[in-house]
Amino acid sequence: MVVGSAPPEAIPGFRTVTGYAGPLLVDPSLLTFKAAGLAYGKARTYDLRAVPRAVVALLAGFRQGARRGQVFQQGGTFVLGPGEKVRFEWRDRFPGDHPSMEDVRAALS
């Protein structure tokens, strides 16, 4: 499941650009992001540690399209359940700061 910070009318565009067909919720109030302890702010968004990752993404052909929602909101990755168990949690510190897919896959198994 993905939770985005944009308004509901941004969902079709997100699906078109990303090809994501799974469950998608939006929270423009950012209450979900705050509850998860995710970083927010210009200093986090324009962090110099993001520059090398942006260059790698650009060289790989990734381009940022129109931004919708709260552009200063950083994301995270969580694997939850069964029940109230948190199996994995990761909070991005800056753009491009993502967990390894091996760690996420391990939490899913």
PDB file of N, CA and C in Angstrom:
ATOM      1  N   MET A   1       0.843  -1.166   0.000  1.00  0.00           N
ATOM      2  CA  MET A   1       0.000   0.000   0.000  1.00  0.00           C
ATOM      3  C   MET A   1       0.897   1.240   0.000  1.00  0.00           C
ATOM      4  N   VAL A   2       0.462   2.267  -0.693  1.00  0.00           N
ATOM      5  CA  VAL A   2       1.174   3.541  -0.752  1.00  0.00           C
ATOM      6  C   VAL A   2       0.278   4.610  -0.144  1.00  0.00           C
ATOM      7  N   VAL A   3       0.876   5.477   0.654  1.00  0.00           N
ATOM      8  CA  VAL A   3       0.176   6.648   1.175  1.00  0.00           C
ATOM      9  C   VAL A   3       0.906   7.869   0.642  1.00  0.00           C
ATOM     10  N   GLY A   4       0.182   8.724  -0.063  1.00  0.00           N
ATOM     11  CA  GLY A   4       0.769   9.926  -0.633  1.00  0.00           C
ATOM     12  C   GLY A   4       0.293  11.178   0.072  1.00  0.00           C
ATOM     13  N   SER A   5       0.991  12.271  -0.140  1.00  0.00           N
ATOM     14  CA  SER A   5       0.644  13.537   0.509  1.00  0.00           C
ATOM     15  C   SER A   5      -0.184  14.458  -0.381  1.00  0.00           C
ATOM     16  N   ALA A   6      -0.520  14.014  -1.571  1.00  0.00           N
ATOM     17  CA  ALA A   6      -1.262  14.846  -2.526  1.00  0.00           C
ATOM     18  C   ALA A   6      -2.774  14.723  -2.287  1.00  0.00           C
ATOM     19  N   PRO A   7      -3.551  15.594  -2.901  1.00  0.00           N
ATOM     20  CA  PRO A   7      -5.012  15.473  -2.804  1.00  0.00           C
ATOM     21  C   PRO A   7      -5.508  14.302  -3.655  1.00  0.00           C
ATOM     22  N   PRO A   8      -6.731  13.821  -3.403  1.00  0.00           N
ATOM     23  CA  PRO A   8      -7.267  12.661  -4.129  1.00  0.00           C
ATOM     24  C   PRO A   8      -7.239  12.796  -5.648  1.00  0.00           C
ATOM     25  N   GLU A   9      -7.413  13.997  -6.166  1.00  0.00           N
ATOM     26  CA  GLU A   9      -7.434  14.158  -7.626  1.00  0.00           C
ATOM     27  C   GLU A   9      -6.076  13.877  -8.279  1.00  0.00           C
ATOM     28  N   ALA A  10      -5.026  13.725  -7.492  1.00  0.00           N
ATOM     29  CA  ALA A  10      -3.702  13.418  -8.034  1.00  0.00           C
ATOM     30  C   ALA A  10      -3.495  11.918  -8.248  1.00  0.00           C
ATOM     31  N   ILE A  11      -4.398  11.073  -7.738  1.00  0.00           N
ATOM     32  CA  ILE A  11      -4.217   9.621  -7.824  1.00  0.00           C
ATOM     33  C   ILE A  11      -4.102   9.127  -9.266  1.00  0.00           C
ATOM     34  N   PRO A  12      -5.005   9.493 -10.182  1.00  0.00           N
ATOM     35  CA  PRO A  12      -4.871   8.975 -11.553  1.00  0.00           C
ATOM     36  C   PRO A  12      -3.534   9.331 -12.204  1.00  0.00           C
ATOM     37  N   GLY A  13      -3.061  10.536 -12.002  1.00  0.00           N
ATOM     38  CA  GLY A  13      -1.776  10.942 -12.569  1.00  0.00           C
ATOM     39  C   GLY A  13      -0.620  10.146 -11.989  1.00  0.00           C
ATOM     40  N   PHE A  14      -0.664   9.883 -10.690  1.00  0.00           N
ATOM     41  CA  PHE A  14       0.373   9.078 -10.039  1.00  0.00           C
ATOM     42  C   PHE A  14       0.398   7.674 -10.638  1.00  0.00           C
ATOM     43  N   ARG A  15      -0.776   7.093 -10.806  1.00  0.00           N
ATOM     44  CA  ARG A  15      -0.850   5.741 -11.373  1.00  0.00           C
ATOM     45  C   ARG A  15      -0.310   5.715 -12.804  1.00  0.00           C
ATOM     46  N   THR A  16      -0.615   6.744 -13.575  1.00  0.00           N
ATOM     47  CA  THR A  16      -0.149   6.807 -14.965  1.00  0.00           C
ATOM     48  C   THR A  16       1.370   6.902 -15.021  1.00  0.00           C
ATOM     49  N   VAL A  17       1.936   7.776 -14.215  1.00  0.00           N
ATOM     50  CA  VAL A  17       3.387   8.003 -14.251  1.00  0.00           C
ATOM     51  C   VAL A  17       4.162   6.808 -13.704  1.00  0.00           C
ATOM     52  N   THR A  18       3.664   6.201 -12.616  1.00  0.00           N
ATOM     53  CA  THR A  18       4.416   5.132 -11.958  1.00  0.00           C
ATOM     54  C   THR A  18       4.029   3.735 -12.397  1.00  0.00           C
ATOM     55  N   GLY A  19       2.810   3.575 -12.918  1.00  0.00           N
ATOM     56  CA  GLY A  19       2.330   2.247 -13.251  1.00  0.00           C
ATOM     57  C   GLY A  19       1.867   1.457 -12.042  1.00  0.00           C
ATOM     58  N   TYR A  20       1.828   2.083 -10.880  1.00  0.00           N
ATOM     59  CA  TYR A  20       1.414   1.418  -9.644  1.00  0.00           C
ATOM     60  C   TYR A  20      -0.093   1.176  -9.660  1.00  0.00           C
ATOM     61  N   ALA A  21      -0.490  -0.080  -9.485  1.00  0.00           N
ATOM     62  CA  ALA A  21      -1.913  -0.439  -9.529  1.00  0.00           C
ATOM     63  C   ALA A  21      -2.435  -0.911  -8.178  1.00  0.00           C
ATOM     64  N   GLY A  22      -1.590  -0.912  -7.149  1.00  0.00           N
ATOM     65  CA  GLY A  22      -1.990  -1.413  -5.833  1.00  0.00           C
ATOM     66  C   GLY A  22      -2.782  -0.400  -5.035  1.00  0.00           C
ATOM     67  N   PRO A  23      -3.061  -0.747  -3.780  1.00  0.00           N
ATOM     68  CA  PRO A  23      -3.812   0.158  -2.909  1.00  0.00           C
ATOM     69  C   PRO A  23      -3.083   1.486  -2.728  1.00  0.00           C
ATOM     70  N   LEU A  24      -3.822   2.573  -2.851  1.00  0.00           N
ATOM     71  CA  LEU A  24      -3.241   3.916  -2.784  1.00  0.00           C
ATOM     72  C   LEU A  24      -4.166   4.833  -1.996  1.00  0.00           C
ATOM     73  N   LEU A  25      -3.638   5.382  -0.925  1.00  0.00           N
ATOM     74  CA  LEU A  25      -4.376   6.331  -0.099  1.00  0.00           C
ATOM     75  C   LEU A  25      -3.649   7.671  -0.146  1.00  0.00           C
ATOM     76  N   VAL A  26      -4.370   8.742   0.142  1.00  0.00           N
ATOM     77  CA  VAL A  26      -3.736  10.054   0.214  1.00  0.00           C
ATOM     78  C   VAL A  26      -4.083  10.717   1.542  1.00  0.00           C
ATOM     79  N   ASP A  27      -3.144  11.513   2.031  1.00  0.00           N
ATOM     80  CA  ASP A  27      -3.324  12.228   3.289  1.00  0.00           C
ATOM     81  C   ASP A  27      -2.697  13.614   3.173  1.00  0.00           C
ATOM     82  N   PRO A  28      -3.389  14.554   2.510  1.00  0.00           N
ATOM     83  CA  PRO A  28      -2.826  15.888   2.368  1.00  0.00           C
ATOM     84  C   PRO A  28      -2.662  16.620   3.698  1.00  0.00           C
ATOM     85  N   SER A  29      -3.320  16.146   4.759  1.00  0.00           N
ATOM     86  CA  SER A  29      -3.165  16.761   6.089  1.00  0.00           C
ATOM     87  C   SER A  29      -1.829  16.392   6.722  1.00  0.00           C
ATOM     88  N   LEU A  30      -1.183  15.345   6.227  1.00  0.00           N
ATOM     89  CA  LEU A  30       0.098  14.818   6.707  1.00  0.00           C
ATOM     90  C   LEU A  30       0.025  14.195   8.096  1.00  0.00           C
ATOM     91  N   LEU A  31      -1.164  13.960   8.617  1.00  0.00           N
ATOM     92  CA  LEU A  31      -1.285  13.352   9.945  1.00  0.00           C
ATOM     93  C   LEU A  31      -0.666  11.960   9.990  1.00  0.00           C
ATOM     94  N   THR A  32      -0.836  11.182   8.929  1.00  0.00           N
ATOM     95  CA  THR A  32      -0.242   9.847   8.867  1.00  0.00           C
ATOM     96  C   THR A  32       1.281   9.935   8.895  1.00  0.00           C
ATOM     97  N   PHE A  33       1.821  10.871   8.147  1.00  0.00           N
ATOM     98  CA  PHE A  33       3.274  11.046   8.078  1.00  0.00           C
ATOM     99  C   PHE A  33       3.834  11.477   9.436  1.00  0.00           C
ATOM    100  N   LYS A  34       3.131  12.391  10.101  1.00  0.00           N
ATOM    101  CA  LYS A  34       3.555  12.844  11.432  1.00  0.00           C
ATOM    102  C   LYS A  34       3.494  11.700  12.434  1.00  0.00           C
ATOM    103  N   ALA A  35       2.396  10.917  12.388  1.00  0.00           N
ATOM    104  CA  ALA A  35       2.246   9.793  13.307  1.00  0.00           C
ATOM    105  C   ALA A  35       3.358   8.759  13.118  1.00  0.00           C
ATOM    106  N   ALA A  36       3.835   8.614  11.893  1.00  0.00           N
ATOM    107  CA  ALA A  36       4.914   7.662  11.591  1.00  0.00           C
ATOM    108  C   ALA A  36       6.290   8.236  11.898  1.00  0.00           C
ATOM    109  N   GLY A  37       6.355   9.505  12.287  1.00  0.00           N
ATOM    110  CA  GLY A  37       7.639  10.125  12.615  1.00  0.00           C
ATOM    111  C   GLY A  37       8.500  10.424  11.408  1.00  0.00           C
ATOM    112  N   LEU A  38       7.865  10.699  10.273  1.00  0.00           N
ATOM    113  CA  LEU A  38       8.619  10.969   9.049  1.00  0.00           C
ATOM    114  C   LEU A  38       9.063  12.430   8.978  1.00  0.00           C
ATOM    115  N   ALA A  39      10.242  12.646   8.436  1.00  0.00           N
ATOM    116  CA  ALA A  39      10.860  13.972   8.365  1.00  0.00           C
ATOM    117  C   ALA A  39      10.103  14.893   7.406  1.00  0.00           C
ATOM    118  N   TYR A  40      10.123  16.186   7.742  1.00  0.00           N
ATOM    119  CA  TYR A  40       9.483  17.197   6.904  1.00  0.00           C
ATOM    120  C   TYR A  40      10.325  18.465   6.958  1.00  0.00           C
ATOM    121  N   GLY A  41      10.479  19.137   5.817  1.00  0.00           N
ATOM    122  CA  GLY A  41      11.126  20.436   5.820  1.00  0.00           C
ATOM    123  C   GLY A  41      12.046  20.671   4.640  1.00  0.00           C
ATOM    124  N   LYS A  42      12.309  21.945   4.387  1.00  0.00           N
ATOM    125  CA  LYS A  42      13.193  22.327   3.281  1.00  0.00           C
ATOM    126  C   LYS A  42      14.605  21.805   3.481  1.00  0.00           C
ATOM    127  N   ALA A  43      15.101  21.864   4.723  1.00  0.00           N
ATOM    128  CA  ALA A  43      16.466  21.405   4.988  1.00  0.00           C
ATOM    129  C   ALA A  43      16.613  19.924   4.664  1.00  0.00           C
ATOM    130  N   ARG A  44      15.575  19.132   4.918  1.00  0.00           N
ATOM    131  CA  ARG A  44      15.613  17.701   4.602  1.00  0.00           C
ATOM    132  C   ARG A  44      15.524  17.481   3.097  1.00  0.00           C
ATOM    133  N   THR A  45      14.721  18.277   2.430  1.00  0.00           N
ATOM    134  CA  THR A  45      14.508  18.115   0.992  1.00  0.00           C
ATOM    135  C   THR A  45      15.736  18.536   0.195  1.00  0.00           C
ATOM    136  N   TYR A  46      16.392  19.605   0.614  1.00  0.00           N
ATOM    137  CA  TYR A  46      17.561  20.119  -0.110  1.00  0.00           C
ATOM    138  C   TYR A  46      18.873  19.701   0.553  1.00  0.00           C
ATOM    139  N   ASP A  47      18.874  18.563   1.203  1.00  0.00           N
ATOM    140  CA  ASP A  47      20.037  18.005   1.878  1.00  0.00           C
ATOM    141  C   ASP A  47      21.101  17.645   0.838  1.00  0.00           C
ATOM    142  N   LEU A  48      22.332  18.022   1.078  1.00  0.00           N
ATOM    143  CA  LEU A  48      23.409  17.750   0.119  1.00  0.00           C
ATOM    144  C   LEU A  48      23.650  16.259  -0.101  1.00  0.00           C
ATOM    145  N   ARG A  49      23.260  15.419   0.862  1.00  0.00           N
ATOM    146  CA  ARG A  49      23.439  13.971   0.682  1.00  0.00           C
ATOM    147  C   ARG A  49      22.551  13.435  -0.441  1.00  0.00           C
ATOM    148  N   ALA A  50      21.539  14.203  -0.839  1.00  0.00           N
ATOM    149  CA  ALA A  50      20.644  13.763  -1.908  1.00  0.00           C
ATOM    150  C   ALA A  50      21.262  13.976  -3.293  1.00  0.00           C
ATOM    151  N   VAL A  51      22.252  14.853  -3.410  1.00  0.00           N
ATOM    152  CA  VAL A  51      22.817  15.210  -4.720  1.00  0.00           C
ATOM    153  C   VAL A  51      23.387  14.004  -5.467  1.00  0.00           C
ATOM    154  N   PRO A  52      24.262  13.191  -4.841  1.00  0.00           N
ATOM    155  CA  PRO A  52      24.795  12.040  -5.599  1.00  0.00           C
ATOM    156  C   PRO A  52      23.691  11.081  -6.047  1.00  0.00           C
ATOM    157  N   ARG A  53      22.680  10.898  -5.231  1.00  0.00           N
ATOM    158  CA  ARG A  53      21.582   9.996  -5.599  1.00  0.00           C
ATOM    159  C   ARG A  53      20.759  10.582  -6.739  1.00  0.00           C
ATOM    160  N   ALA A  54      20.612  11.908  -6.751  1.00  0.00           N
ATOM    161  CA  ALA A  54      19.888  12.563  -7.847  1.00  0.00           C
ATOM    162  C   ALA A  54      20.650  12.402  -9.158  1.00  0.00           C
ATOM    163  N   VAL A  55      21.966  12.525  -9.110  1.00  0.00           N
ATOM    164  CA  VAL A  55      22.788  12.365 -10.315  1.00  0.00           C
ATOM    165  C   VAL A  55      22.664  10.942 -10.856  1.00  0.00           C
ATOM    166  N   VAL A  56      22.741   9.954  -9.978  1.00  0.00           N
ATOM    167  CA  VAL A  56      22.604   8.555 -10.401  1.00  0.00           C
ATOM    168  C   VAL A  56      21.228   8.338 -11.034  1.00  0.00           C
ATOM    169  N   ALA A  57      20.184   8.886 -10.416  1.00  0.00           N
ATOM    170  CA  ALA A  57      18.830   8.732 -10.957  1.00  0.00           C
ATOM    171  C   ALA A  57      18.708   9.388 -12.334  1.00  0.00           C
ATOM    172  N   LEU A  58      19.263  10.582 -12.477  1.00  0.00           N
ATOM    173  CA  LEU A  58      19.217  11.270 -13.774  1.00  0.00           C
ATOM    174  C   LEU A  58      19.947  10.480 -14.855  1.00  0.00           C
ATOM    175  N   LEU A  59      21.125   9.956 -14.514  1.00  0.00           N
ATOM    176  CA  LEU A  59      21.899   9.182 -15.479  1.00  0.00           C
ATOM    177  C   LEU A  59      21.188   7.879 -15.853  1.00  0.00           C
ATOM    178  N   ALA A  60      20.353   7.380 -14.938  1.00  0.00           N
ATOM    179  CA  ALA A  60      19.591   6.153 -15.213  1.00  0.00           C
ATOM    180  C   ALA A  60      18.301   6.453 -15.984  1.00  0.00           C
ATOM    181  N   GLY A  61      18.047   7.738 -16.255  1.00  0.00           N
ATOM    182  CA  GLY A  61      16.889   8.099 -17.063  1.00  0.00           C
ATOM    183  C   GLY A  61      15.662   8.544 -16.298  1.00  0.00           C
ATOM    184  N   PHE A  62      15.768   8.617 -14.985  1.00  0.00           N
ATOM    185  CA  PHE A  62      14.615   9.061 -14.204  1.00  0.00           C
ATOM    186  C   PHE A  62      14.475  10.571 -14.272  1.00  0.00           C
ATOM    187  N   ARG A  63      13.260  11.039 -14.434  1.00  0.00           N
ATOM    188  CA  ARG A  63      12.961  12.471 -14.463  1.00  0.00           C
ATOM    189  C   ARG A  63      11.775  12.752 -13.550  1.00  0.00           C
ATOM    190  N   GLN A  64      11.870  13.821 -12.833  1.00  0.00           N
ATOM    191  CA  GLN A  64      10.773  14.203 -11.948  1.00  0.00           C
ATOM    192  C   GLN A  64       9.729  14.952 -12.762  1.00  0.00           C
ATOM    193  N   GLY A  65       8.496  14.530 -12.633  1.00  0.00           N
ATOM    194  CA  GLY A  65       7.404  15.192 -13.337  1.00  0.00           C
ATOM    195  C   GLY A  65       6.805  16.280 -12.467  1.00  0.00           C
ATOM    196  N   ALA A  66       5.593  16.639 -12.778  1.00  0.00           N
ATOM    197  CA  ALA A  66       4.888  17.648 -11.996  1.00  0.00           C
ATOM    198  C   ALA A  66       4.742  17.159 -10.558  1.00  0.00           C
ATOM    199  N   ARG A  67       5.080  18.009  -9.630  1.00  0.00           N
ATOM    200  CA  ARG A  67       4.973  17.651  -8.215  1.00  0.00           C
ATOM    201  C   ARG A  67       3.601  18.021  -7.694  1.00  0.00           C
ATOM    202  N   ARG A  68       3.044  17.127  -6.916  1.00  0.00           N
ATOM    203  CA  ARG A  68       1.756  17.370  -6.282  1.00  0.00           C
ATOM    204  C   ARG A  68       1.894  17.019  -4.812  1.00  0.00           C
ATOM    205  N   GLY A  69       1.107  17.654  -3.994  1.00  0.00           N
ATOM    206  CA  GLY A  69       1.172  17.347  -2.571  1.00  0.00           C
ATOM    207  C   GLY A  69       2.268  18.137  -1.886  1.00  0.00           C
ATOM    208  N   GLN A  70       2.687  17.623  -0.769  1.00  0.00           N
ATOM    209  CA  GLN A  70       3.673  18.295   0.077  1.00  0.00           C
ATOM    210  C   GLN A  70       5.085  17.896  -0.345  1.00  0.00           C
ATOM    211  N   VAL A  71       5.731  18.748  -1.115  1.00  0.00           N
ATOM    212  CA  VAL A  71       7.037  18.386  -1.680  1.00  0.00           C
ATOM    213  C   VAL A  71       8.140  18.321  -0.631  1.00  0.00           C
ATOM    214  N   PHE A  72       7.919  18.901   0.553  1.00  0.00           N
ATOM    215  CA  PHE A  72       8.940  18.862   1.599  1.00  0.00           C
ATOM    216  C   PHE A  72       8.760  17.677   2.552  1.00  0.00           C
ATOM    217  N   GLN A  73       7.781  16.813   2.257  1.00  0.00           N
ATOM    218  CA  GLN A  73       7.534  15.636   3.092  1.00  0.00           C
ATOM    219  C   GLN A  73       8.387  14.475   2.627  1.00  0.00           C
ATOM    220  N   GLN A  74       9.196  13.943   3.526  1.00  0.00           N
ATOM    221  CA  GLN A  74       9.981  12.750   3.227  1.00  0.00           C
ATOM    222  C   GLN A  74       9.139  11.518   3.510  1.00  0.00           C
ATOM    223  N   GLY A  75       9.485  10.431   2.886  1.00  0.00           N
ATOM    224  CA  GLY A  75       8.712   9.207   3.020  1.00  0.00           C
ATOM    225  C   GLY A  75       9.351   8.189   3.937  1.00  0.00           C
ATOM    226  N   GLY A  76       8.846   7.002   3.847  1.00  0.00           N
ATOM    227  CA  GLY A  76       9.354   5.899   4.643  1.00  0.00           C
ATOM    228  C   GLY A  76       8.840   4.591   4.090  1.00  0.00           C
ATOM    229  N   THR A  77       9.356   3.503   4.634  1.00  0.00           N
ATOM    230  CA  THR A  77       8.938   2.162   4.234  1.00  0.00           C
ATOM    231  C   THR A  77       8.663   1.369   5.502  1.00  0.00           C
ATOM    232  N   PHE A  78       7.484   0.776   5.551  1.00  0.00           N
ATOM    233  CA  PHE A  78       7.088   0.011   6.725  1.00  0.00           C
ATOM    234  C   PHE A  78       6.486  -1.314   6.286  1.00  0.00           C
ATOM    235  N   VAL A  79       6.829  -2.381   7.008  1.00  0.00           N
ATOM    236  CA  VAL A  79       6.193  -3.682   6.821  1.00  0.00           C
ATOM    237  C   VAL A  79       5.477  -3.965   8.137  1.00  0.00           C
ATOM    238  N   LEU A  80       4.157  -4.059   8.061  1.00  0.00           N
ATOM    239  CA  LEU A  80       3.327  -4.205   9.251  1.00  0.00           C
ATOM    240  C   LEU A  80       2.583  -5.526   9.251  1.00  0.00           C
ATOM    241  N   GLY A  81       2.337  -6.037  10.441  1.00  0.00           N
ATOM    242  CA  GLY A  81       1.484  -7.203  10.615  1.00  0.00           C
ATOM    243  C   GLY A  81       2.253  -8.500  10.634  1.00  0.00           C
ATOM    244  N   PRO A  82       1.598  -9.545  10.986  1.00  0.00           N
ATOM    245  CA  PRO A  82       0.172  -9.599  11.308  1.00  0.00           C
ATOM    246  C   PRO A  82      -0.123  -8.895  12.636  1.00  0.00           C
ATOM    247  N   GLY A  83      -1.362  -8.496  12.778  1.00  0.00           N
ATOM    248  CA  GLY A  83      -1.770  -7.782  13.980  1.00  0.00           C
ATOM    249  C   GLY A  83      -1.086  -6.433  14.062  1.00  0.00           C
ATOM    250  N   GLU A  84      -0.633  -6.091  15.247  1.00  0.00           N
ATOM    251  CA  GLU A  84      -0.012  -4.781  15.477  1.00  0.00           C
ATOM    252  C   GLU A  84       1.512  -4.835  15.402  1.00  0.00           C
ATOM    253  N   LYS A  85       2.047  -5.923  14.889  1.00  0.00           N
ATOM    254  CA  LYS A  85       3.499  -6.093  14.816  1.00  0.00           C
ATOM    255  C   LYS A  85       4.103  -5.224  13.720  1.00  0.00           C
ATOM    256  N   VAL A  86       5.180  -4.509  14.052  1.00  0.00           N
ATOM    257  CA  VAL A  86       5.963  -3.756  13.065  1.00  0.00           C
ATOM    258  C   VAL A  86       7.177  -4.624  12.738  1.00  0.00           C
ATOM    259  N   ARG A  87       7.194  -5.140  11.510  1.00  0.00           N
ATOM    260  CA  ARG A  87       8.256  -6.055  11.105  1.00  0.00           C
ATOM    261  C   ARG A  87       9.465  -5.331  10.527  1.00  0.00           C
ATOM    262  N   PHE A  88       9.249  -4.131  10.001  1.00  0.00           N
ATOM    263  CA  PHE A  88      10.340  -3.347   9.420  1.00  0.00           C
ATOM    264  C   PHE A  88       9.918  -1.889   9.399  1.00  0.00           C
ATOM    265  N   GLU A  89      10.844  -0.998   9.718  1.00  0.00           N
ATOM    266  CA  GLU A  89      10.545   0.425   9.602  1.00  0.00           C
ATOM    267  C   GLU A  89      11.789   1.188   9.139  1.00  0.00           C
ATOM    268  N   TRP A  90      11.545   2.119   8.240  1.00  0.00           N
ATOM    269  CA  TRP A  90      12.609   2.945   7.672  1.00  0.00           C
ATOM    270  C   TRP A  90      12.029   4.333   7.431  1.00  0.00           C
ATOM    271  N   ARG A  91      12.726   5.341   7.878  1.00  0.00           N
ATOM    272  CA  ARG A  91      12.314   6.725   7.661  1.00  0.00           C
ATOM    273  C   ARG A  91      13.380   7.421   6.820  1.00  0.00           C
ATOM    274  N   ASP A  92      12.986   7.866   5.624  1.00  0.00           N
ATOM    275  CA  ASP A  92      13.923   8.578   4.756  1.00  0.00           C
ATOM    276  C   ASP A  92      14.388   9.852   5.457  1.00  0.00           C
ATOM    277  N   ARG A  93      15.692  10.109   5.425  1.00  0.00           N
ATOM    278  CA  ARG A  93      16.245  11.336   5.998  1.00  0.00           C
ATOM    279  C   ARG A  93      16.311  12.465   4.984  1.00  0.00           C
ATOM    280  N   PHE A  94      16.335  12.095   3.694  1.00  0.00           N
ATOM    281  CA  PHE A  94      16.447  13.057   2.603  1.00  0.00           C
ATOM    282  C   PHE A  94      16.005  12.340   1.333  1.00  0.00           C
ATOM    283  N   PRO A  95      15.762  13.065   0.239  1.00  0.00           N
ATOM    284  CA  PRO A  95      15.333  12.412  -1.006  1.00  0.00           C
ATOM    285  C   PRO A  95      16.357  11.380  -1.475  1.00  0.00           C
ATOM    286  N   GLY A  96      15.865  10.228  -1.864  1.00  0.00           N
ATOM    287  CA  GLY A  96      16.748   9.167  -2.335  1.00  0.00           C
ATOM    288  C   GLY A  96      17.291   8.278  -1.242  1.00  0.00           C
ATOM    289  N   ASP A  97      16.957   8.561   0.000  1.00  0.00           N
ATOM    290  CA  ASP A  97      17.423   7.771   1.139  1.00  0.00           C
ATOM    291  C   ASP A  97      16.425   6.642   1.376  1.00  0.00           C
ATOM    292  N   HIS A  98      16.668   5.499   0.732  1.00  0.00           N
ATOM    293  CA  HIS A  98      15.726   4.388   0.789  1.00  0.00           C
ATOM    294  C   HIS A  98      16.389   3.160   1.398  1.00  0.00           C
ATOM    295  N   PRO A  99      15.589   2.266   1.970  1.00  0.00           N
ATOM    296  CA  PRO A  99      16.167   1.035   2.517  1.00  0.00           C
ATOM    297  C   PRO A  99      16.576   0.097   1.394  1.00  0.00           C
ATOM    298  N   SER A 100      17.396  -0.877   1.733  1.00  0.00           N
ATOM    299  CA  SER A 100      17.759  -1.882   0.731  1.00  0.00           C
ATOM    300  C   SER A 100      16.551  -2.791   0.520  1.00  0.00           C
ATOM    301  N   MET A 101      16.346  -3.193  -0.713  1.00  0.00           N
ATOM    302  CA  MET A 101      15.227  -4.089  -1.015  1.00  0.00           C
ATOM    303  C   MET A 101      15.435  -5.450  -0.352  1.00  0.00           C
ATOM    304  N   GLU A 102      16.680  -5.833  -0.124  1.00  0.00           N
ATOM    305  CA  GLU A 102      16.946  -7.098   0.571  1.00  0.00           C
ATOM    306  C   GLU A 102      16.371  -7.053   1.981  1.00  0.00           C
ATOM    307  N   ASP A 103      16.532  -5.919   2.667  1.00  0.00           N
ATOM    308  CA  ASP A 103      15.993  -5.790   4.031  1.00  0.00           C
ATOM    309  C   ASP A 103      14.467  -5.812   4.019  1.00  0.00           C
ATOM    310  N   VAL A 104      13.867  -5.161   3.031  1.00  0.00           N
ATOM    311  CA  VAL A 104      12.401  -5.144   2.941  1.00  0.00           C
ATOM    312  C   VAL A 104      11.891  -6.545   2.626  1.00  0.00           C
ATOM    313  N   ARG A 105      12.524  -7.218   1.675  1.00  0.00           N
ATOM    314  CA  ARG A 105      12.103  -8.589   1.330  1.00  0.00           C
ATOM    315  C   ARG A 105      12.238  -9.529   2.523  1.00  0.00           C
ATOM    316  N   ALA A 106      13.317  -9.380   3.284  1.00  0.00           N
ATOM    317  CA  ALA A 106      13.526 -10.233   4.460  1.00  0.00           C
ATOM    318  C   ALA A 106      12.394 -10.028   5.479  1.00  0.00           C
ATOM    319  N   ALA A 107      11.947  -8.794   5.627  1.00  0.00           N
ATOM    320  CA  ALA A 107      10.861  -8.505   6.566  1.00  0.00           C
ATOM    321  C   ALA A 107       9.535  -9.079   6.088  1.00  0.00           C
ATOM    322  N   LEU A 108       9.395  -9.243   4.783  1.00  0.00           N
ATOM    323  CA  LEU A 108       8.153  -9.790   4.214  1.00  0.00           C
ATOM    324  C   LEU A 108       8.085 -11.313   4.326  1.00  0.00           C
ATOM    325  N   SER A 109       9.234 -11.958   4.512  1.00  0.00           N
ATOM    326  CA  SER A 109       9.219 -13.431   4.542  1.00  0.00           C
ATOM    327  C   SER A 109       9.078 -13.975   5.939  1.00  0.00           C
TER     328      SER A 109
END
